[in-house]
Amino acid sequence: MTRADYCIVLFAALLLPYLYISQWTGDEAGINATIMNGSETTEVSLAHDHTLEIDGALGTSIIKIKDGKIRFAASPCRGKQCIHSGWLEHAGEFAACLPNRISIAVLGEEPRFDSIIF
């Protein structure tokens, strides 16, 4: 390797931590959440604690909102991956129950992603 190659590798190694911190760590607290059920979209506030029952393709999913966080509390799907995703509180976080066709996206003042497709 030449001296220029070493300089490029060193520059890239120093640039990666900066890019990670500035681009991929979004600690902005969520303000609202969007619940998508097939073609229906509902926007809810995370400011008030309450429980929602959303009917999906397999049955009813229960979604809890508490202390500015949202999560799937119960769902009729088999793997329960949506429940295991836990509490969502930062803008840009996303959970979905694909068999039941229900998804939750936390929104902040500035969008973290252009779009999410599944």
Protein backbone atom coordinates (compact mmCIF):
# COMPACT_ATOMS: atom_id res chain seq x y z
CA MET A 1 0.00 0.00 0.00
CA THR A 2 1.16 3.47 -0.79
CA ARG A 3 1.17 6.48 1.50
CA ALA A 4 -2.00 7.79 -0.20
CA ASP A 5 -3.77 4.49 0.54
CA TYR A 6 -2.90 4.79 4.23
CA CYS A 7 -4.22 8.36 4.27
CA ILE A 8 -7.52 7.28 2.70
CA VAL A 9 -7.95 4.39 5.15
CA LEU A 10 -7.16 6.67 8.11
CA PHE A 11 -9.60 9.33 6.84
CA ALA A 12 -12.37 6.73 6.43
CA ALA A 13 -11.71 5.30 9.90
CA LEU A 14 -11.99 8.77 11.43
CA LEU A 15 -15.08 9.65 9.39
CA LEU A 16 -17.16 6.57 10.33
CA PRO A 17 -17.75 7.45 14.02
CA TYR A 18 -18.80 10.97 13.06
CA LEU A 19 -21.26 9.66 10.45
CA TYR A 20 -22.69 7.14 12.90
CA ILE A 21 -23.28 9.77 15.58
CA SER A 22 -24.68 12.41 13.25
CA GLN A 23 -26.83 10.22 10.99
CA TRP A 24 -27.94 7.06 12.79
CA THR A 25 -28.52 8.01 16.39
CA GLY A 26 -31.88 9.67 16.64
CA ASP A 27 -32.71 10.43 20.24
CA GLU A 28 -35.49 12.87 19.44
CA ALA A 29 -38.51 12.05 21.60
CA GLY A 30 -41.63 11.07 19.72
CA ILE A 31 -44.61 13.41 19.73
CA ASN A 32 -47.20 11.41 17.78
CA ALA A 33 -47.52 7.91 16.39
CA THR A 34 -49.10 6.67 13.20
CA ILE A 35 -50.99 3.39 13.37
CA MET A 36 -51.48 1.81 9.96
CA ASN A 37 -54.11 -0.88 9.51
CA GLY A 38 -54.16 -1.95 5.89
CA SER A 39 -55.14 1.18 4.00
CA GLU A 40 -56.40 3.02 7.12
CA THR A 41 -54.04 5.40 8.92
CA THR A 42 -54.66 6.83 12.38
CA GLU A 43 -52.45 9.40 14.09
CA VAL A 44 -52.45 9.39 17.90
CA SER A 45 -50.75 11.60 20.47
CA LEU A 46 -48.21 10.10 22.85
CA ALA A 47 -48.98 12.75 25.47
CA HIS A 48 -51.96 10.94 27.01
CA ASP A 49 -51.98 7.43 28.46
CA HIS A 50 -54.60 5.15 26.92
CA THR A 51 -55.18 1.76 25.33
CA LEU A 52 -56.36 1.17 21.76
CA GLU A 53 -57.94 -1.92 20.23
CA ILE A 54 -57.21 -2.16 16.51
CA ASP A 55 -58.92 -4.79 14.35
CA GLY A 56 -56.62 -6.45 11.84
CA ALA A 57 -56.69 -9.36 9.41
CA LEU A 58 -56.29 -12.03 12.14
CA GLY A 59 -58.14 -10.33 14.98
CA THR A 60 -57.73 -7.52 17.48
CA SER A 61 -54.35 -6.09 18.50
CA ILE A 62 -54.08 -4.10 21.71
CA ILE A 63 -51.79 -1.07 21.64
CA LYS A 64 -50.83 0.76 24.83
CA ILE A 65 -49.63 4.36 25.12
CA LYS A 66 -48.00 5.29 28.42
CA ASP A 67 -45.52 8.02 29.49
CA GLY A 68 -44.85 9.14 25.91
CA LYS A 69 -44.19 5.57 24.70
CA ILE A 70 -46.23 3.15 22.58
CA ARG A 71 -46.16 -0.63 22.18
CA PHE A 72 -48.07 -3.69 21.06
CA ALA A 73 -49.49 -5.18 24.29
CA ALA A 74 -51.31 -8.13 22.71
CA SER A 75 -51.76 -9.52 19.23
CA PRO A 76 -53.29 -12.67 17.70
CA CYS A 77 -50.23 -13.45 15.56
CA ARG A 78 -48.09 -16.57 16.12
CA GLY A 79 -44.53 -15.30 16.65
CA LYS A 80 -45.42 -12.22 18.72
CA GLN A 81 -42.45 -10.30 17.24
CA CYS A 82 -44.51 -7.13 17.42
CA ILE A 83 -44.91 -7.54 21.19
CA HIS A 84 -41.23 -8.41 21.67
CA SER A 85 -40.20 -5.16 19.96
CA GLY A 86 -41.09 -3.43 23.24
CA TRP A 87 -41.72 0.23 23.92
CA LEU A 88 -41.18 2.72 21.10
CA GLU A 89 -40.37 6.28 22.17
CA HIS A 90 -37.92 7.88 19.75
CA ALA A 91 -38.87 9.47 16.44
CA GLY A 92 -38.33 7.04 13.60
CA GLU A 93 -38.87 3.84 15.59
CA PHE A 94 -41.19 1.32 13.97
CA ALA A 95 -42.94 -1.95 14.90
CA ALA A 96 -45.21 -4.10 12.77
CA CYS A 97 -47.43 -7.12 13.13
CA LEU A 98 -47.22 -8.32 9.55
CA PRO A 99 -49.65 -11.27 9.84
CA ASN A 100 -52.29 -8.95 11.34
CA ARG A 101 -51.35 -6.10 8.94
CA ILE A 102 -50.93 -3.46 11.66
CA SER A 103 -47.90 -1.22 12.08
CA ILE A 104 -46.83 1.61 14.39
CA ALA A 105 -44.42 4.41 13.49
CA VAL A 106 -43.32 7.04 16.01
CA LEU A 107 -43.18 10.56 14.60
CA GLY A 108 -41.20 13.57 15.77
CA GLU A 109 -40.86 17.13 14.59
CA GLU A 110 -38.41 16.11 11.87
CA PRO A 111 -38.92 12.83 9.96
CA ARG A 112 -36.06 10.34 10.29
CA PHE A 113 -36.94 8.32 7.17
CA ASP A 114 -38.39 9.33 3.83
CA SER A 115 -40.57 6.22 3.67
CA ILE A 116 -40.84 2.71 5.04
CA ILE A 117 -42.21 -0.07 2.85
CA PHE A 118 -43.06 -3.60 3.93
